[in-house]
Amino acid sequence: MKQDEIELLSNPKFISASQMLVVIFTIAVVLQSISYFIPPSEWLNWQLLVFITSTNLGAVVLAIQAQRSADDIGAVQRKIFTPEFYKSMKSISNLHGLIEDEATLQGHSIDDELKDMAPKIYGLTRAYLDVRAKEEGIIPPDPVVEKPPQSYEDEDLFQ
């Protein structure tokens, strides 16, 4: 993930109240300017009334659905982003900072250090687990897989 993507995630952009007012005012000016070119009539008034009613009703329905979605997202986030989660993320972030500082002191970048350390950590962990498994006599179970019948009847397949 690139740095600008990380910053975008950590600082999302939302439309402000003043931006909303500018958009609404612009739409109003455009619609009002159109009315200067079209002569008024009963049919046109009826069409505009239906249009206004349908857009308002659509906006209300969509707002309700958006609020429901926001409530669902909020409920999931409250379950996931607990105080323990944030404590863990702070610890991981602190560890990252310490590794980065140590890498800088030694004249390396953190990416180079991680590329160098990853295979070594994996090898060390793998060797430790293999030795412990031998010492403890741990043998992975061999799964029992039954052989399928040699022939199938239609009633066996479609019950």
C-alpha atoms as a PDB file:
ATOM      1  CA  MET A   1       0.000   0.000   0.000  1.00  0.00           C
ATOM      2  CA  LYS A   2       1.397   3.372  -0.993  1.00  0.00           C
ATOM      3  CA  GLN A   3       1.838   6.240   1.460  1.00  0.00           C
ATOM      4  CA  ASP A   4      -0.794   8.443  -0.228  1.00  0.00           C
ATOM      5  CA  GLU A   5      -3.316   5.588  -0.054  1.00  0.00           C
ATOM      6  CA  ILE A   6      -2.595   5.161   3.661  1.00  0.00           C
ATOM      7  CA  GLU A   7      -3.050   8.887   4.227  1.00  0.00           C
ATOM      8  CA  LEU A   8      -6.321   8.815   2.268  1.00  0.00           C
ATOM      9  CA  LEU A   9      -7.600   6.000   4.484  1.00  0.00           C
ATOM     10  CA  SER A  10      -6.583   7.776   7.648  1.00  0.00           C
ATOM     11  CA  ASN A  11      -8.041  11.125   6.555  1.00  0.00           C
ATOM     12  CA  PRO A  12     -11.158  10.565   4.419  1.00  0.00           C
ATOM     13  CA  LYS A  13     -12.665  13.525   2.560  1.00  0.00           C
ATOM     14  CA  PHE A  14     -16.290  14.396   3.275  1.00  0.00           C
ATOM     15  CA  ILE A  15     -18.400  17.093   1.669  1.00  0.00           C
ATOM     16  CA  SER A  16     -18.781  20.062   3.985  1.00  0.00           C
ATOM     17  CA  ALA A  17     -21.935  22.063   4.695  1.00  0.00           C
ATOM     18  CA  SER A  18     -20.640  25.017   2.676  1.00  0.00           C
ATOM     19  CA  GLN A  19     -19.894  22.747  -0.297  1.00  0.00           C
ATOM     20  CA  MET A  20     -23.444  21.346  -0.075  1.00  0.00           C
ATOM     21  CA  LEU A  21     -24.852  24.879  -0.111  1.00  0.00           C
ATOM     22  CA  VAL A  22     -22.783  25.760  -3.190  1.00  0.00           C
ATOM     23  CA  VAL A  23     -24.052  22.655  -5.013  1.00  0.00           C
ATOM     24  CA  ILE A  24     -27.684  23.391  -4.073  1.00  0.00           C
ATOM     25  CA  PHE A  25     -27.369  27.053  -5.068  1.00  0.00           C
ATOM     26  CA  THR A  26     -25.788  26.096  -8.413  1.00  0.00           C
ATOM     27  CA  ILE A  27     -28.596  23.637  -9.164  1.00  0.00           C
ATOM     28  CA  ALA A  28     -31.202  26.256  -8.236  1.00  0.00           C
ATOM     29  CA  VAL A  29     -29.607  28.866 -10.522  1.00  0.00           C
ATOM     30  CA  VAL A  30     -29.438  26.412 -13.446  1.00  0.00           C
ATOM     31  CA  LEU A  31     -33.072  25.336 -13.002  1.00  0.00           C
ATOM     32  CA  GLN A  32     -34.289  28.909 -12.617  1.00  0.00           C
ATOM     33  CA  SER A  33     -32.436  29.965 -15.762  1.00  0.00           C
ATOM     34  CA  ILE A  34     -34.171  27.204 -17.738  1.00  0.00           C
ATOM     35  CA  SER A  35     -37.565  28.564 -16.685  1.00  0.00           C
ATOM     36  CA  TYR A  36     -36.811  31.853 -18.477  1.00  0.00           C
ATOM     37  CA  PHE A  37     -36.650  30.033 -21.823  1.00  0.00           C
ATOM     38  CA  ILE A  38     -39.788  27.848 -21.503  1.00  0.00           C
ATOM     39  CA  PRO A  39     -43.221  29.525 -21.348  1.00  0.00           C
ATOM     40  CA  PRO A  40     -45.320  28.346 -18.361  1.00  0.00           C
ATOM     41  CA  SER A  41     -48.353  26.094 -18.895  1.00  0.00           C
ATOM     42  CA  GLU A  42     -50.587  23.800 -16.835  1.00  0.00           C
ATOM     43  CA  TRP A  43     -48.978  20.726 -18.345  1.00  0.00           C
ATOM     44  CA  LEU A  44     -45.485  21.993 -17.500  1.00  0.00           C
ATOM     45  CA  ASN A  45     -46.571  22.872 -13.949  1.00  0.00           C
ATOM     46  CA  TRP A  46     -47.988  19.377 -13.497  1.00  0.00           C
ATOM     47  CA  GLN A  47     -44.784  17.778 -14.825  1.00  0.00           C
ATOM     48  CA  LEU A  48     -42.642  19.889 -12.496  1.00  0.00           C
ATOM     49  CA  LEU A  49     -44.854  18.989  -9.513  1.00  0.00           C
ATOM     50  CA  VAL A  50     -44.514  15.276 -10.283  1.00  0.00           C
ATOM     51  CA  PHE A  51     -40.779  15.680 -10.790  1.00  0.00           C
ATOM     52  CA  ILE A  52     -40.322  17.550  -7.513  1.00  0.00           C
ATOM     53  CA  THR A  53     -42.463  15.066  -5.595  1.00  0.00           C
ATOM     54  CA  SER A  54     -40.669  12.047  -7.034  1.00  0.00           C
ATOM     55  CA  THR A  55     -37.199  13.462  -6.382  1.00  0.00           C
ATOM     56  CA  ASN A  56     -38.126  14.415  -2.822  1.00  0.00           C
ATOM     57  CA  LEU A  57     -39.637  11.001  -2.155  1.00  0.00           C
ATOM     58  CA  GLY A  58     -36.602   9.338  -3.745  1.00  0.00           C
ATOM     59  CA  ALA A  59     -34.277  11.407  -1.581  1.00  0.00           C
ATOM     60  CA  VAL A  60     -36.157  10.393   1.574  1.00  0.00           C
ATOM     61  CA  VAL A  61     -36.127   6.693   0.652  1.00  0.00           C
ATOM     62  CA  LEU A  62     -32.423   6.815  -0.229  1.00  0.00           C
ATOM     63  CA  ALA A  63     -31.620   8.696   2.996  1.00  0.00           C
ATOM     64  CA  ILE A  64     -33.404   5.995   5.015  1.00  0.00           C
ATOM     65  CA  GLN A  65     -31.472   3.274   3.203  1.00  0.00           C
ATOM     66  CA  ALA A  66     -28.194   5.145   3.666  1.00  0.00           C
ATOM     67  CA  GLN A  67     -28.897   5.528   7.388  1.00  0.00           C
ATOM     68  CA  ARG A  68     -29.662   1.807   7.660  1.00  0.00           C
ATOM     69  CA  SER A  69     -26.369   1.014   5.926  1.00  0.00           C
ATOM     70  CA  ALA A  70     -24.525   3.411   8.220  1.00  0.00           C
ATOM     71  CA  ASP A  71     -26.144   1.772  11.268  1.00  0.00           C
ATOM     72  CA  ASP A  72     -25.093  -1.681  10.012  1.00  0.00           C
ATOM     73  CA  ILE A  73     -21.526  -0.494   9.412  1.00  0.00           C
ATOM     74  CA  GLY A  74     -21.464   1.158  12.834  1.00  0.00           C
ATOM     75  CA  ALA A  75     -22.641  -2.034  14.540  1.00  0.00           C
ATOM     76  CA  VAL A  76     -19.924  -4.084  12.815  1.00  0.00           C
ATOM     77  CA  GLN A  77     -17.259  -1.507  13.627  1.00  0.00           C
ATOM     78  CA  ARG A  78     -18.262  -1.457  17.296  1.00  0.00           C
ATOM     79  CA  LYS A  79     -17.805  -5.235  17.416  1.00  0.00           C
ATOM     80  CA  ILE A  80     -14.447  -5.164  15.637  1.00  0.00           C
ATOM     81  CA  PHE A  81     -12.801  -1.967  16.819  1.00  0.00           C
ATOM     82  CA  THR A  82     -12.827  -2.614  20.546  1.00  0.00           C
ATOM     83  CA  PRO A  83     -10.451  -0.990  23.043  1.00  0.00           C
ATOM     84  CA  GLU A  84      -8.348  -4.174  22.926  1.00  0.00           C
ATOM     85  CA  PHE A  85      -8.048  -3.830  19.138  1.00  0.00           C
ATOM     86  CA  TYR A  86      -6.790  -0.274  19.461  1.00  0.00           C
ATOM     87  CA  LYS A  87      -4.344  -1.295  22.206  1.00  0.00           C
ATOM     88  CA  SER A  88      -3.018  -4.056  19.943  1.00  0.00           C
ATOM     89  CA  MET A  89      -2.684  -1.671  16.999  1.00  0.00           C
ATOM     90  CA  LYS A  90      -0.827   0.820  19.225  1.00  0.00           C
ATOM     91  CA  SER A  91       1.561  -1.940  20.313  1.00  0.00           C
ATOM     92  CA  ILE A  92       2.170  -3.010  16.726  1.00  0.00           C
ATOM     93  CA  SER A  93       2.663   0.613  15.710  1.00  0.00           C
ATOM     94  CA  ASN A  94       5.159   1.110  18.560  1.00  0.00           C
ATOM     95  CA  LEU A  95       7.022  -2.049  17.507  1.00  0.00           C
ATOM     96  CA  HIS A  96       7.100  -0.798  13.913  1.00  0.00           C
ATOM     97  CA  GLY A  97       8.535   2.516  15.097  1.00  0.00           C
ATOM     98  CA  LEU A  98      11.209   0.786  17.159  1.00  0.00           C
ATOM     99  CA  ILE A  99      12.219  -1.445  14.240  1.00  0.00           C
ATOM    100  CA  GLU A 100      12.289   1.569  11.927  1.00  0.00           C
ATOM    101  CA  ASP A 101      14.444   3.545  14.379  1.00  0.00           C
ATOM    102  CA  GLU A 102      16.882   0.647  14.786  1.00  0.00           C
ATOM    103  CA  ALA A 103      17.076   0.157  11.010  1.00  0.00           C
ATOM    104  CA  THR A 104      17.800   3.875  10.565  1.00  0.00           C
ATOM    105  CA  LEU A 105      20.538   3.739  13.212  1.00  0.00           C
ATOM    106  CA  GLN A 106      22.191   0.926  11.276  1.00  0.00           C
ATOM    107  CA  GLY A 107      21.814   2.783   7.967  1.00  0.00           C
ATOM    108  CA  HIS A 108      19.130   0.547   6.450  1.00  0.00           C
ATOM    109  CA  SER A 109      15.555   1.099   5.373  1.00  0.00           C
ATOM    110  CA  ILE A 110      12.788  -0.755   7.142  1.00  0.00           C
ATOM    111  CA  ASP A 111      11.737  -2.416   3.876  1.00  0.00           C
ATOM    112  CA  ASP A 112      15.247  -3.803   3.384  1.00  0.00           C
ATOM    113  CA  GLU A 113      15.341  -5.011   6.970  1.00  0.00           C
ATOM    114  CA  LEU A 114      11.971  -6.765   6.660  1.00  0.00           C
ATOM    115  CA  LYS A 115      13.005  -8.391   3.380  1.00  0.00           C
ATOM    116  CA  ASP A 116      16.140  -9.645   5.090  1.00  0.00           C
ATOM    117  CA  MET A 117      14.427 -10.732   8.319  1.00  0.00           C
ATOM    118  CA  ALA A 118      11.302 -12.446   6.952  1.00  0.00           C
ATOM    119  CA  PRO A 119      12.991 -15.597   5.590  1.00  0.00           C
ATOM    120  CA  LYS A 120      15.199 -15.831   8.684  1.00  0.00           C
ATOM    121  CA  ILE A 121      12.236 -15.538  11.061  1.00  0.00           C
ATOM    122  CA  TYR A 122      10.302 -18.108   9.024  1.00  0.00           C
ATOM    123  CA  GLY A 123      13.273 -20.511   8.990  1.00  0.00           C
ATOM    124  CA  LEU A 124      13.858 -20.107  12.717  1.00  0.00           C
ATOM    125  CA  THR A 125      10.188 -20.650  13.532  1.00  0.00           C
ATOM    126  CA  ARG A 126       9.924 -23.638  11.185  1.00  0.00           C
ATOM    127  CA  ALA A 127      13.061 -25.257  12.668  1.00  0.00           C
ATOM    128  CA  TYR A 128      11.828 -24.660  16.235  1.00  0.00           C
ATOM    129  CA  LEU A 129       8.457 -26.226  15.465  1.00  0.00           C
ATOM    130  CA  ASP A 130      10.070 -29.214  13.744  1.00  0.00           C
ATOM    131  CA  VAL A 131      12.422 -29.837  16.699  1.00  0.00           C
ATOM    132  CA  ARG A 132       9.596 -29.450  19.238  1.00  0.00           C
ATOM    133  CA  ALA A 133       7.401 -31.824  17.241  1.00  0.00           C
ATOM    134  CA  LYS A 134      10.187 -34.471  17.275  1.00  0.00           C
ATOM    135  CA  GLU A 135      10.882 -33.972  20.993  1.00  0.00           C
ATOM    136  CA  GLU A 136       7.213 -34.148  21.925  1.00  0.00           C
ATOM    137  CA  GLY A 137       6.520 -36.994  19.517  1.00  0.00           C
ATOM    138  CA  ILE A 138       3.840 -34.986  17.766  1.00  0.00           C
ATOM    139  CA  ILE A 139       2.785 -36.583  14.518  1.00  0.00           C
ATOM    140  CA  PRO A 140       0.201 -34.850  12.387  1.00  0.00           C
ATOM    141  CA  PRO A 141      -2.871 -37.017  11.984  1.00  0.00           C
ATOM    142  CA  ASP A 142      -3.386 -38.769   8.694  1.00  0.00           C
ATOM    143  CA  PRO A 143      -6.919 -37.928   7.609  1.00  0.00           C
ATOM    144  CA  VAL A 144      -9.138 -40.877   6.800  1.00  0.00           C
ATOM    145  CA  VAL A 145     -10.740 -40.457   3.421  1.00  0.00           C
ATOM    146  CA  GLU A 146     -13.312 -43.003   2.372  1.00  0.00           C
ATOM    147  CA  LYS A 147     -13.257 -44.134  -1.211  1.00  0.00           C
ATOM    148  CA  PRO A 148     -16.364 -43.275  -3.181  1.00  0.00           C
ATOM    149  CA  PRO A 149     -18.517 -46.079  -4.549  1.00  0.00           C
ATOM    150  CA  GLN A 150     -17.422 -47.357  -7.933  1.00  0.00           C
ATOM    151  CA  SER A 151     -20.726 -46.734  -9.653  1.00  0.00           C
ATOM    152  CA  TYR A 152     -23.559 -44.334  -9.051  1.00  0.00           C
ATOM    153  CA  GLU A 153     -27.244 -44.854  -9.561  1.00  0.00           C
ATOM    154  CA  ASP A 154     -29.507 -41.944 -10.468  1.00  0.00           C
ATOM    155  CA  GLU A 155     -31.494 -42.371  -7.265  1.00  0.00           C
ATOM    156  CA  ASP A 156     -28.275 -42.092  -5.232  1.00  0.00           C
ATOM    157  CA  LEU A 157     -27.452 -38.781  -6.871  1.00  0.00           C
ATOM    158  CA  PHE A 158     -30.935 -37.221  -7.151  1.00  0.00           C
ATOM    159  CA  GLN A 159     -32.969 -37.853  -4.044  1.00  0.00           C
END
